């Protein structure tokens, strides 16, 4: 009944790794000056926010039933803004690392409640909450940057160890390891895959399908809240538009990473590989002064290419059968 990660997911990671090598070699040929340790650190730094948000997006999509979370960018923006406004209102600075993810958890829980309890279409619900969350972030601040991040928090967001940012080491890597173990080694993971693969069958065998999906939206919100915390430490301020485009970029990373759009298949290793590929490509194109408009187009072409690569074996099988 469930469809856990198989050799297909491993093949997708291999394809993404190969594409990353091709992209890296192409950028080296086009701009030799790009080869330096600082570039690796920069790619990992920019990958942190997208990786965290994409991981949450992956969990929602895995649960099936057309699950999607288009509000992740709005959650990141609103969590940043609310945390800084609370800090200005007297919140002890030591509580910022707890409050920011907690806000994301609550906002994600709202999405989950609307989808699972009121049974509203996830695409419409999260699109609506995206506008609500993003609008609140802008209206509460009049679009201005909120300063006042504690000085002790900033090194976590800006400094690195052996070229790897502290924030990447302490948030992205642990989060992906925890979720990978959850999905591959626990009953909860089997329930998630079963829910996404066939929610009716999962319900019949006693799996609490709606609870699983509610928790997935909560996890997505929590990870978006952690991404908001990283942005505070990295930029030293709360920006009401920091989450712009994260919803589409995270969905792209999820699909590139091999998560089935209808749920129930795929693994998170491919998602991380897809994030690194996307950010490397975007950083390289910026380095060689390619317009941001073309960057979006290149990412779209890459997504179509990977989906075609995934489709080729199925087309060959159908041709052999004469279908």
Protein backbone atom coordinates (compact mmCIF):
# COMPACT_ATOMS: atom_id res chain seq x y z
CA UNK A 1 0.00 0.00 0.00
CA UNK A 2 2.88 2.40 0.68
CA UNK A 3 5.51 3.57 -1.74
CA UNK A 4 8.69 4.21 0.15
CA UNK A 5 11.90 5.53 -1.46
CA UNK A 6 13.30 3.06 -3.98
CA UNK A 7 16.07 2.91 -6.54
CA UNK A 8 14.04 5.45 -8.57
CA UNK A 9 14.67 8.10 -5.92
CA UNK A 10 18.35 7.16 -5.87
CA UNK A 11 18.45 7.49 -9.66
CA UNK A 12 16.91 10.95 -9.40
CA UNK A 13 19.65 12.02 -6.96
CA UNK A 14 22.23 10.63 -9.41
CA UNK A 15 20.67 12.62 -12.27
CA UNK A 16 20.68 15.80 -10.18
CA UNK A 17 24.29 15.22 -9.12
CA UNK A 18 25.28 14.75 -12.76
CA UNK A 19 23.45 17.93 -13.74
CA UNK A 20 25.19 19.78 -10.92
CA UNK A 21 28.57 18.66 -12.25
CA UNK A 22 27.59 19.77 -15.76
CA UNK A 23 26.39 23.15 -14.47
CA UNK A 24 29.54 23.62 -12.38
CA UNK A 25 31.82 22.75 -15.30
CA UNK A 26 29.89 25.06 -17.61
CA UNK A 27 30.20 27.93 -15.17
CA UNK A 28 33.92 27.26 -14.69
CA UNK A 29 34.45 27.41 -18.44
CA UNK A 30 32.35 30.55 -18.81
CA UNK A 31 33.83 32.32 -15.79
CA UNK A 32 37.04 30.80 -14.36
CA UNK A 33 37.02 33.37 -11.56
CA UNK A 34 34.01 31.67 -10.04
CA UNK A 35 36.18 28.84 -8.66
CA UNK A 36 36.94 29.87 -5.10
CA UNK A 37 35.98 28.70 -1.59
CA UNK A 38 33.90 31.80 -0.98
CA UNK A 39 31.56 30.76 -3.79
CA UNK A 40 30.85 27.43 -2.11
CA UNK A 41 30.09 29.19 1.16
CA UNK A 42 27.83 31.63 -0.65
CA UNK A 43 25.88 28.84 -2.36
CA UNK A 44 25.34 27.03 0.95
CA UNK A 45 24.34 30.29 2.64
CA UNK A 46 21.72 31.07 0.02
CA UNK A 47 20.58 27.43 0.05
CA UNK A 48 19.70 27.44 3.75
CA UNK A 49 16.34 29.20 3.57
CA UNK A 50 15.21 27.38 0.44
CA UNK A 51 16.32 23.99 1.78
CA UNK A 52 14.34 24.36 5.01
CA UNK A 53 11.20 25.55 3.25
CA UNK A 54 11.52 22.85 0.57
CA UNK A 55 11.77 20.14 3.22
CA UNK A 56 8.48 21.26 4.73
CA UNK A 57 6.92 21.48 1.28
CA UNK A 58 8.09 17.92 0.56
CA UNK A 59 6.33 16.56 3.65
CA UNK A 60 3.05 18.21 2.64
CA UNK A 61 3.27 16.91 -0.94
CA UNK A 62 4.18 13.40 0.26
CA UNK A 63 0.88 13.20 2.13
CA UNK A 64 -1.03 13.32 -1.14
CA UNK A 65 -4.59 14.52 -1.79
CA UNK A 66 -3.21 17.34 -3.97
CA UNK A 67 -1.34 18.60 -0.92
CA UNK A 68 0.68 21.74 -1.49
CA UNK A 69 1.76 24.68 0.66
CA UNK A 70 1.88 27.94 -1.30
CA UNK A 71 1.99 29.98 1.91
CA UNK A 72 5.56 29.12 2.96
CA UNK A 73 6.98 32.40 1.68
CA UNK A 74 4.31 34.34 3.56
CA UNK A 75 5.01 32.37 6.74
CA UNK A 76 8.72 33.21 6.54
CA UNK A 77 7.97 36.92 6.06
CA UNK A 78 5.31 37.14 8.77
CA UNK A 79 7.32 35.11 11.30
CA UNK A 80 10.27 37.51 10.80
CA UNK A 81 8.12 40.58 11.22
CA UNK A 82 6.09 39.37 14.21
CA UNK A 83 9.22 38.22 16.03
CA UNK A 84 10.88 41.62 15.67
CA UNK A 85 7.70 43.48 16.62
CA UNK A 86 7.40 41.32 19.74
CA UNK A 87 11.05 41.99 20.55
CA UNK A 88 10.40 45.74 20.31
CA UNK A 89 7.35 45.28 22.55
CA UNK A 90 9.46 43.70 25.30
CA UNK A 91 10.01 40.07 24.36
CA UNK A 92 13.25 38.88 26.04
CA UNK A 93 15.89 38.50 23.30
CA UNK A 94 16.75 35.01 24.56
CA UNK A 95 13.28 33.84 23.48
CA UNK A 96 13.66 34.90 19.84
CA UNK A 97 15.06 31.50 18.72
CA UNK A 98 11.99 29.84 20.25
CA UNK A 99 9.27 32.34 19.34
CA UNK A 100 10.15 32.66 15.65
CA UNK A 101 9.80 28.92 14.84
CA UNK A 102 6.73 28.76 17.13
CA UNK A 103 5.01 31.45 15.07
CA UNK A 104 5.72 29.45 11.94
CA UNK A 105 4.30 26.34 13.60
CA UNK A 106 1.06 28.14 14.46
CA UNK A 107 0.68 29.61 10.97
CA UNK A 108 1.29 26.19 9.43
CA UNK A 109 -1.25 24.74 11.84
CA UNK A 110 -3.84 27.21 10.55
CA UNK A 111 -3.27 25.88 7.04
CA UNK A 112 -3.57 22.30 8.25
CA UNK A 113 -6.76 23.02 10.16
CA UNK A 114 -8.40 24.66 7.15
CA UNK A 115 -7.43 21.75 4.89
CA UNK A 116 -8.17 18.82 7.20
CA UNK A 117 -11.03 20.07 9.32
CA UNK A 118 -12.94 22.25 6.84
CA UNK A 119 -11.83 20.05 3.91
CA UNK A 120 -10.94 22.97 1.68
CA UNK A 121 -8.76 22.54 -1.41
CA UNK A 122 -5.08 22.89 -0.34
CA UNK A 123 -4.09 24.89 -3.42
CA UNK A 124 -6.77 27.53 -2.80
CA UNK A 125 -6.37 27.56 0.99
CA UNK A 126 -2.62 28.05 1.00
CA UNK A 127 -2.80 30.58 -1.82
CA UNK A 128 -5.28 32.51 0.30
CA UNK A 129 -3.18 32.31 3.46
CA UNK A 130 -0.11 33.31 1.43
CA UNK A 131 -1.82 36.60 0.59
CA UNK A 132 -3.03 37.00 4.18
CA UNK A 133 0.38 36.32 5.74
CA UNK A 134 2.31 38.38 3.18
CA UNK A 135 -0.19 41.21 3.43
CA UNK A 136 0.03 41.26 7.22
CA UNK A 137 3.84 41.32 7.08
CA UNK A 138 3.69 44.41 4.88
CA UNK A 139 0.83 46.18 6.64
CA UNK A 140 2.20 45.70 10.15
CA UNK A 141 5.49 47.31 9.13
CA UNK A 142 4.39 49.65 6.33
CA UNK A 143 6.91 47.76 4.24
CA UNK A 144 9.89 48.88 6.33
CA UNK A 145 12.75 46.72 7.57
CA UNK A 146 12.60 45.88 11.28
CA UNK A 147 15.99 46.29 12.95
CA UNK A 148 17.04 45.19 16.43
CA UNK A 149 18.23 41.60 16.02
CA UNK A 150 20.44 40.75 19.05
CA UNK A 151 24.16 40.96 18.26
CA UNK A 152 24.79 37.47 19.71
CA UNK A 153 22.46 35.90 17.13
CA UNK A 154 24.10 37.38 14.04
CA UNK A 155 27.31 35.28 13.99
CA UNK A 156 25.18 32.14 13.74
CA UNK A 157 23.69 33.45 10.52
CA UNK A 158 26.85 34.87 8.96
CA UNK A 159 29.90 32.91 10.06
CA UNK A 160 31.05 29.51 8.87
CA UNK A 161 33.13 26.49 9.84
CA UNK A 162 35.51 25.16 7.17
CA UNK A 163 33.49 27.07 4.57
CA UNK A 164 30.14 25.69 5.68
CA UNK A 165 27.79 28.27 7.26
CA UNK A 166 26.86 27.58 10.87
CA UNK A 167 23.18 27.97 10.02
CA UNK A 168 23.46 25.28 7.33
CA UNK A 169 25.34 22.95 9.68
CA UNK A 170 22.95 23.36 12.59
CA UNK A 171 19.58 23.65 10.86
CA UNK A 172 19.55 22.19 7.33
CA UNK A 173 21.68 19.07 7.91
CA UNK A 174 19.96 18.02 11.18
CA UNK A 175 16.51 18.72 9.74
CA UNK A 176 17.08 16.59 6.65
CA UNK A 177 18.65 13.78 8.67
CA UNK A 178 15.74 13.75 11.13
CA UNK A 179 13.11 13.71 8.39
CA UNK A 180 15.01 11.06 6.39
CA UNK A 181 15.13 8.81 9.45
CA UNK A 182 11.46 9.54 10.21
CA UNK A 183 10.37 8.61 6.70
CA UNK A 184 12.61 5.59 6.29
CA UNK A 185 12.81 4.02 9.73
CA UNK A 186 9.65 4.77 11.72
CA UNK A 187 5.97 3.93 11.70
CA UNK A 188 5.18 7.61 11.16
CA UNK A 189 7.14 7.49 7.91
CA UNK A 190 5.23 4.44 6.70
CA UNK A 191 1.97 6.16 7.59
CA UNK A 192 2.97 9.27 5.61
CA UNK A 193 3.79 7.23 2.51
CA UNK A 194 0.64 5.15 2.90
CA UNK A 195 -1.47 8.29 3.25
CA UNK A 196 -0.01 9.80 0.11
CA UNK A 197 -0.13 6.58 -1.90
CA UNK A 198 -3.74 5.68 -1.14
CA UNK A 199 -5.47 7.65 1.60
CA UNK A 200 -8.66 5.58 1.45
CA UNK A 201 -6.79 2.31 2.00
CA UNK A 202 -4.72 3.97 4.73
CA UNK A 203 -7.90 5.05 6.50
CA UNK A 204 -9.36 1.55 6.28
CA UNK A 205 -6.33 0.03 8.04
CA UNK A 206 -6.62 2.51 10.89
CA UNK A 207 -4.18 5.27 9.95
CA UNK A 208 -5.29 8.71 11.13
CA UNK A 209 -5.03 10.29 7.69
CA UNK A 210 -6.27 13.76 8.62
CA UNK A 211 -3.98 13.91 11.65
CA UNK A 212 -0.99 12.95 9.48
CA UNK A 213 -1.78 15.74 7.03
CA UNK A 214 -2.35 18.26 9.81
CA UNK A 215 1.06 17.41 11.27
CA UNK A 216 2.64 17.77 7.83
CA UNK A 217 1.35 21.34 7.51
CA UNK A 218 2.51 22.07 11.06
CA UNK A 219 5.98 20.73 10.17
CA UNK A 220 6.04 22.88 7.05
CA UNK A 221 5.19 25.94 9.11
CA UNK A 222 7.79 25.06 11.74
CA UNK A 223 10.54 24.71 9.13
CA UNK A 224 9.47 28.01 7.54
CA UNK A 225 9.72 29.58 11.00
CA UNK A 226 13.25 28.22 11.38
CA UNK A 227 14.06 29.68 7.95
CA UNK A 228 12.73 33.02 9.21
CA UNK A 229 15.05 32.79 12.21
CA UNK A 230 18.00 32.10 9.89
CA UNK A 231 17.10 35.18 7.85
CA UNK A 232 17.05 37.32 10.99
CA UNK A 233 20.52 36.13 11.98
CA UNK A 234 21.85 36.39 8.42
CA UNK A 235 20.51 39.83 7.50
CA UNK A 236 20.44 41.33 10.98
CA UNK A 237 16.87 42.53 10.51
CA UNK A 238 13.34 41.39 9.78
CA UNK A 239 12.32 42.05 6.20
CA UNK A 240 8.62 41.88 5.30
CA UNK A 241 9.36 40.53 1.82
CA UNK A 242 12.09 38.02 2.69
CA UNK A 243 9.88 35.07 1.73
CA UNK A 244 9.17 36.32 -1.78
CA UNK A 245 9.22 33.51 -4.40
CA UNK A 246 10.05 30.80 -1.85
CA UNK A 247 6.73 29.08 -2.46
CA UNK A 248 7.43 28.46 -6.16
CA UNK A 249 11.14 27.76 -5.71
CA UNK A 250 10.42 25.22 -2.98
CA UNK A 251 7.80 23.46 -5.10
CA UNK A 252 10.29 23.35 -7.98
CA UNK A 253 12.92 21.81 -5.70
CA UNK A 254 10.42 19.21 -4.48
CA UNK A 255 9.47 18.14 -7.99
CA UNK A 256 13.06 18.17 -9.21
CA UNK A 257 14.02 16.13 -6.17
CA UNK A 258 11.74 13.26 -7.14
CA UNK A 259 8.77 13.73 -4.80
CA UNK A 260 5.65 12.52 -6.61
CA UNK A 261 3.26 15.41 -7.20
CA UNK A 262 0.35 13.18 -6.13
CA UNK A 263 2.18 12.04 -3.01
CA UNK A 264 3.37 8.72 -1.67
CA UNK A 265 6.71 8.48 -3.48
CA UNK A 266 10.18 10.00 -3.24
CA UNK A 267 12.75 10.89 -0.63
CA UNK A 268 14.21 14.05 0.87
CA UNK A 269 17.78 13.42 -0.31
CA UNK A 270 16.75 14.38 -3.82
CA UNK A 271 15.13 17.56 -2.51
CA UNK A 272 18.38 18.75 -0.94
CA UNK A 273 20.26 17.89 -4.13
CA UNK A 274 17.72 19.87 -6.15
CA UNK A 275 18.07 22.89 -3.85
CA UNK A 276 21.85 22.90 -4.23
CA UNK A 277 21.52 22.56 -8.00
CA UNK A 278 19.03 25.44 -8.26
CA UNK A 279 21.03 27.80 -6.05
CA UNK A 280 24.31 26.94 -7.80
CA UNK A 281 22.70 27.65 -11.14
CA UNK A 282 21.21 30.94 -9.98
CA UNK A 283 24.43 32.07 -8.32
CA UNK A 284 26.47 31.18 -11.39
CA UNK A 285 24.12 33.02 -13.73
CA UNK A 286 24.30 36.09 -11.51
CA UNK A 287 28.09 35.87 -11.52
CA UNK A 288 28.18 35.98 -15.32
CA UNK A 289 25.63 38.84 -15.34
CA UNK A 290 22.70 36.93 -16.80
CA UNK A 291 19.41 38.78 -16.38
CA UNK A 292 17.14 37.56 -13.59
CA UNK A 293 14.40 37.09 -16.20
CA UNK A 294 16.55 34.54 -18.02
CA UNK A 295 17.44 32.88 -14.72
CA UNK A 296 13.77 32.08 -14.13
CA UNK A 297 13.50 30.70 -17.66
CA UNK A 298 16.56 28.48 -17.21
CA UNK A 299 15.13 27.04 -14.00
CA UNK A 300 11.87 26.28 -15.85
CA UNK A 301 13.73 24.52 -18.66
CA UNK A 302 15.70 22.52 -16.09
CA UNK A 303 12.48 21.39 -14.40
CA UNK A 304 10.98 20.25 -17.71
CA UNK A 305 14.22 18.44 -18.63
CA UNK A 306 14.36 16.48 -15.38
CA UNK A 307 10.70 15.53 -15.67
CA UNK A 308 11.35 14.30 -19.22
CA UNK A 309 14.31 12.23 -18.03
CA UNK A 310 12.03 10.66 -15.45
CA UNK A 311 9.42 10.00 -18.11
CA UNK A 312 11.69 8.32 -20.70
CA UNK A 313 11.70 4.81 -19.08
CA UNK A 314 7.89 4.84 -18.95
CA UNK A 315 7.67 5.87 -22.61
CA UNK A 316 10.04 3.07 -23.62
CA UNK A 317 7.95 0.56 -21.68
CA UNK A 318 4.78 1.68 -23.42
CA UNK A 319 6.46 1.51 -26.84
CA UNK A 320 7.57 -2.06 -26.17
CA UNK A 321 3.98 -2.97 -25.37
CA UNK A 322 2.81 -1.23 -28.53
CA UNK A 323 0.66 1.25 -26.60
